[in-house]
Amino acid sequence: MAKIFLVEDNVGLGDAVASYLEIEGHAVIRFDRLSGLSEAVRIALPDLLVLDVMLPDGDGFVFARKLRKESKVPILFLTARSSESDRITGFEIGADDYVVKPFSMRELVLRIRSILARTSNEISQNKQAVVSWVLGDHADAGRHTLSFDEQSHIASHDGKELKLTATEWKILSYVAEREHMVISREQLLGSCLDYLAEGSERSINTHMKNIRAKLAGIEWIETVRGFGYRFIGRKVSP
C-alpha cells in the first residue's frame, strides 16, 4: 500500500480518482489547494504526489519547482494544460509522469502503479523505520516521548509499549504526522475509519477518548472546539 497525496480542487474528479486508488489498496490524502501542502510533505513523506497545475491559490508548476529543491518525492502532474510546452515544463521540473485531462481512470492507475514500482525501493530507504515526537522542553522534568516503529508495528509512550487497536494506531499516527495542523473529525473518519463499518463522527470522539486514556491523560492532542484536533508534539530526528 502506498501513501498518495492527491491535490485536486475539482471535488467530483478528486472523489473519483481517490476511489480508484483506494480500490487499488492505497491510502489517499486529499488537498484542494496548495496551502499547507509543503508542510504536509515534510512531515509525512508520501510515496507519490498527484498534483493539479491550476489551483485556487497558486500554480502547481511553481510549487513543484520549489519542492524539487528539497525533496525527491515522485510527482505525477494531472492537469488540463495539454500543450507540448506545458508537458516539457512538467518534465523539466522533474515530474515522473504527466497526464492530461480528460483521461482514462484505468490508465491513470496503471501509470501510478508503474511509478510506484520504479520508486518504492528508493523511497522506503529514505523513510525512518522509527519516528518519534517529544512533548515539553529538554530541561522540563515533565518531558514525554512518543514513537512509532513501522517495521515491528509497535507504538511506545515514555518507553512503554502502547496497546493500541488498529484504528487507534491509524488515528494517532495520522494526527502525529500532521503536527500542529488542525484535523477535522471528517478527515479522520475518511482517512482512518471505514465509513460504513464505523458509522459517524461520534465514533471519532470515542476512539480519541480511548487514545488519550492510553496516553495517561497527557495532552498530546488538543481539541480545537468547532473544528477538530491538533497534535502538539514536536517531531525529532532519530
Protein backbone atom coordinates (compact mmCIF):
# COMPACT_ATOMS: atom_id res chain seq x y z
CA MET A 1 0.00 0.00 0.00
CA ALA A 2 1.31 3.44 -0.92
CA LYS A 3 0.57 6.79 0.70
CA ILE A 4 -0.56 9.15 -2.06
CA PHE A 5 -1.16 12.89 -1.72
CA LEU A 6 -3.84 13.97 -4.23
CA VAL A 7 -4.07 17.71 -4.94
CA GLU A 8 -7.22 18.42 -6.96
CA ASP A 9 -9.71 21.27 -6.48
CA ASN A 10 -12.48 19.63 -8.53
CA VAL A 11 -14.37 17.70 -5.83
CA GLY A 12 -16.08 15.25 -8.19
CA LEU A 13 -12.89 14.39 -10.03
CA GLY A 14 -10.95 14.15 -6.78
CA ASP A 15 -13.55 11.75 -5.36
CA ALA A 16 -13.34 9.54 -8.45
CA VAL A 17 -9.54 9.41 -8.53
CA ALA A 18 -9.34 8.75 -4.79
CA SER A 19 -11.89 5.93 -5.06
CA TYR A 20 -9.96 4.19 -7.85
CA LEU A 21 -6.68 4.48 -5.94
CA GLU A 22 -8.24 3.24 -2.71
CA ILE A 23 -9.63 0.21 -4.57
CA GLU A 24 -6.00 -0.44 -5.55
CA GLY A 25 -5.23 -0.53 -1.83
CA HIS A 26 -3.55 2.87 -1.50
CA ALA A 27 -4.07 5.43 1.28
CA VAL A 28 -5.11 8.72 -0.32
CA ILE A 29 -4.79 12.05 1.48
CA ARG A 30 -6.74 14.82 -0.22
CA PHE A 31 -5.89 18.50 -0.72
CA ASP A 32 -7.92 21.02 -2.71
CA ARG A 33 -5.23 23.72 -2.74
CA LEU A 34 -1.51 24.26 -2.21
CA SER A 35 -1.82 25.83 1.22
CA GLY A 36 -0.27 23.52 3.83
CA LEU A 37 0.93 21.03 1.23
CA SER A 38 4.64 21.75 1.57
CA GLU A 39 4.49 21.26 5.34
CA ALA A 40 2.45 18.08 4.94
CA VAL A 41 5.05 16.63 2.54
CA ARG A 42 7.81 17.49 5.01
CA ILE A 43 6.04 15.91 7.96
CA ALA A 44 4.62 12.81 6.28
CA LEU A 45 6.68 11.98 3.18
CA PRO A 46 4.25 10.46 0.65
CA ASP A 47 5.13 7.74 -1.83
CA LEU A 48 3.61 9.83 -4.63
CA LEU A 49 2.26 13.33 -5.17
CA VAL A 50 -0.55 13.58 -7.76
CA LEU A 51 -0.65 17.30 -8.47
CA ASP A 52 -3.02 19.51 -10.45
CA VAL A 53 -1.42 22.58 -12.02
CA MET A 54 -4.18 25.21 -11.97
CA LEU A 55 -5.23 25.53 -8.34
CA PRO A 56 -7.19 28.24 -6.49
CA ASP A 57 -4.18 29.53 -4.56
CA GLY A 58 -1.32 29.01 -6.98
CA ASP A 59 0.45 27.20 -9.80
CA GLY A 60 1.37 23.54 -9.42
CA PHE A 61 4.44 24.02 -11.62
CA VAL A 62 5.79 26.74 -9.33
CA PHE A 63 5.09 24.60 -6.25
CA ALA A 64 6.77 21.52 -7.76
CA ARG A 65 9.84 23.51 -8.82
CA LYS A 66 10.33 24.67 -5.21
CA LEU A 67 9.61 21.20 -3.83
CA ARG A 68 12.19 19.61 -6.11
CA LYS A 69 14.94 21.66 -4.42
CA GLU A 70 14.32 19.82 -1.14
CA SER A 71 12.56 16.54 -1.95
CA LYS A 72 12.72 13.69 -4.46
CA VAL A 73 9.13 12.61 -3.83
CA PRO A 74 7.67 11.25 -7.11
CA ILE A 75 5.30 13.70 -8.84
CA LEU A 76 2.59 12.98 -11.39
CA PHE A 77 1.00 16.09 -12.90
CA LEU A 78 -2.74 15.69 -13.52
CA THR A 79 -3.85 18.74 -15.49
CA ALA A 80 -5.90 20.20 -18.32
CA ARG A 81 -2.79 22.01 -19.62
CA SER A 82 -2.10 19.90 -22.68
CA SER A 83 0.31 21.86 -24.87
CA GLU A 84 3.70 20.45 -25.74
CA SER A 85 5.39 23.34 -23.91
CA ASP A 86 3.42 22.55 -20.74
CA ARG A 87 4.41 18.89 -20.92
CA ILE A 88 8.05 19.82 -21.43
CA THR A 89 7.87 22.22 -18.49
CA GLY A 90 6.44 19.48 -16.30
CA PHE A 91 9.19 17.01 -17.14
CA GLU A 92 11.92 19.67 -16.89
CA ILE A 93 10.74 20.40 -13.35
CA GLY A 94 11.24 16.72 -12.54
CA ALA A 95 7.84 15.10 -12.98
CA ASP A 96 7.77 11.31 -13.11
CA ASP A 97 4.71 11.41 -15.39
CA TYR A 98 2.25 13.87 -16.95
CA VAL A 99 -1.42 13.00 -17.51
CA VAL A 100 -3.79 15.34 -19.37
CA LYS A 101 -7.49 15.74 -18.53
CA PRO A 102 -9.77 14.15 -19.60
CA PHE A 103 -8.11 10.80 -19.03
CA SER A 104 -8.86 7.13 -18.52
CA MET A 105 -9.03 6.18 -14.84
CA ARG A 106 -7.62 2.77 -15.67
CA GLU A 107 -4.68 4.32 -17.49
CA LEU A 108 -4.03 6.66 -14.58
CA VAL A 109 -4.00 3.73 -12.13
CA LEU A 110 -1.55 1.83 -14.37
CA ARG A 111 0.73 4.85 -14.71
CA ILE A 112 0.73 5.30 -10.93
CA ARG A 113 1.42 1.60 -10.45
CA SER A 114 4.42 1.95 -12.78
CA ILE A 115 5.81 4.97 -10.89
CA LEU A 116 5.46 3.24 -7.53
CA ALA A 117 7.17 0.11 -8.82
CA ARG A 118 10.13 2.23 -10.01
CA THR A 119 10.48 4.33 -6.90
CA SER A 120 9.32 2.21 -3.95
CA ASN A 121 12.78 0.94 -3.03
CA GLU A 122 14.35 4.41 -3.10
CA ILE A 123 11.55 6.00 -1.10
CA SER A 124 11.46 3.23 1.51
CA GLN A 125 15.20 3.64 2.08
CA ASN A 126 14.69 7.32 2.83
CA LYS A 127 11.90 6.74 5.33
CA GLN A 128 12.71 6.34 9.01
CA ALA A 129 11.83 2.96 10.48
CA VAL A 130 11.17 4.60 13.86
CA VAL A 131 9.55 8.03 14.03
CA SER A 132 9.46 9.94 17.34
CA TRP A 133 7.90 13.03 18.87
CA VAL A 134 8.54 14.88 22.13
CA LEU A 135 6.29 16.97 24.32
CA GLY A 136 7.99 19.53 26.57
CA ASP A 137 11.49 21.03 26.62
CA HIS A 138 14.75 19.17 27.21
CA ALA A 139 15.06 20.74 30.64
CA ASP A 140 11.46 20.01 31.51
CA ALA A 141 11.09 17.22 34.08
CA GLY A 142 7.71 16.51 32.58
CA ARG A 143 9.06 15.87 29.05
CA HIS A 144 7.36 12.96 27.28
CA THR A 145 8.18 10.88 24.21
CA LEU A 146 6.02 9.07 21.68
CA SER A 147 7.37 6.79 18.93
CA PHE A 148 6.10 4.55 16.15
CA ASP A 149 8.15 1.62 14.82
CA GLU A 150 6.65 0.90 11.40
CA GLN A 151 8.61 -2.34 10.93
CA SER A 152 7.59 -4.02 14.18
CA HIS A 153 4.31 -2.07 14.34
CA ILE A 154 4.93 -1.05 17.95
CA ALA A 155 3.99 2.33 19.41
CA SER A 156 5.70 3.43 22.61
CA HIS A 157 4.93 6.18 25.10
CA ASP A 158 7.70 7.21 27.51
CA GLY A 159 9.46 3.94 26.69
CA LYS A 160 6.47 1.72 27.37
CA GLU A 161 4.55 -0.10 24.64
CA LEU A 162 1.10 1.26 23.88
CA LYS A 163 -1.57 -1.37 23.38
CA LEU A 164 -3.38 0.32 20.50
CA THR A 165 -6.10 -1.13 18.33
CA ALA A 166 -5.56 -0.91 14.56
CA THR A 167 -7.93 2.07 14.34
CA GLU A 168 -6.27 3.84 17.29
CA TRP A 169 -2.87 3.36 15.62
CA LYS A 170 -4.20 4.90 12.40
CA ILE A 171 -5.73 7.89 14.18
CA LEU A 172 -2.78 8.63 16.46
CA SER A 173 -0.16 8.25 13.73
CA TYR A 174 -2.32 10.31 11.32
CA VAL A 175 -2.57 13.33 13.65
CA ALA A 176 1.07 12.98 14.78
CA GLU A 177 2.32 13.08 11.19
CA ARG A 178 0.41 16.35 10.78
CA GLU A 179 1.72 18.02 13.92
CA HIS A 180 0.25 21.46 14.64
CA MET A 181 -2.28 21.11 11.79
CA VAL A 182 -5.98 21.18 12.71
CA ILE A 183 -7.52 17.86 11.63
CA SER A 184 -11.30 17.64 11.35
CA ARG A 185 -13.33 14.65 12.50
CA GLU A 186 -14.46 14.23 8.92
CA GLN A 187 -10.83 13.91 7.77
CA LEU A 188 -10.16 11.26 10.41
CA LEU A 189 -13.33 9.42 9.51
CA GLY A 190 -12.45 9.34 5.84
CA SER A 191 -8.76 8.52 6.24
CA CYS A 192 -8.61 6.24 9.29
CA LEU A 193 -12.01 4.57 9.60
CA ASP A 194 -14.39 2.69 7.35
CA TYR A 195 -17.43 4.96 6.93
CA LEU A 196 -19.85 2.05 6.67
CA ALA A 197 -18.38 -0.01 9.50
CA GLU A 198 -17.73 2.80 11.95
CA GLY A 199 -20.81 4.94 11.36
CA SER A 200 -20.35 8.60 12.22
CA GLU A 201 -18.09 11.33 13.56
CA ARG A 202 -19.26 10.40 17.06
CA SER A 203 -17.12 7.26 16.81
CA ILE A 204 -14.04 9.50 16.37
CA ASN A 205 -14.78 11.05 19.78
CA THR A 206 -14.86 7.59 21.34
CA HIS A 207 -11.60 6.49 19.71
CA MET A 208 -9.93 9.76 20.72
CA LYS A 209 -11.08 9.32 24.33
CA ASN A 210 -9.56 5.83 24.39
CA ILE A 211 -6.29 7.06 22.87
CA ARG A 212 -5.99 9.83 25.45
CA ALA A 213 -6.59 7.34 28.25
CA LYS A 214 -3.78 5.12 26.93
CA LEU A 215 -1.52 8.18 26.81
CA ALA A 216 -2.11 8.51 30.58
CA GLY A 217 -4.14 11.66 30.11
CA ILE A 218 -1.10 13.61 28.88
CA GLU A 219 -2.26 16.25 26.41
CA TRP A 220 -0.53 15.32 23.17
CA ILE A 221 -3.74 16.12 21.29
CA GLU A 222 -5.71 19.33 21.75
CA THR A 223 -9.39 19.63 20.95
CA VAL A 224 -9.97 22.64 18.72
CA ARG A 225 -13.58 23.39 19.52
CA GLY A 226 -15.78 23.52 16.45
CA PHE A 227 -13.01 22.24 14.14
CA GLY A 228 -11.37 19.02 15.33
CA TYR A 229 -8.00 18.12 16.81
CA ARG A 230 -4.38 19.30 16.83
CA PHE A 231 -1.32 17.21 17.75
CA ILE A 232 1.09 19.45 19.69
CA GLY A 233 4.16 17.21 19.98
CA ARG A 234 7.37 18.02 18.08
CA LYS A 235 8.94 15.55 15.67
CA VAL A 236 12.58 14.70 16.40
CA SER A 237 15.36 13.12 14.37
CA PRO A 238 16.38 9.55 15.25
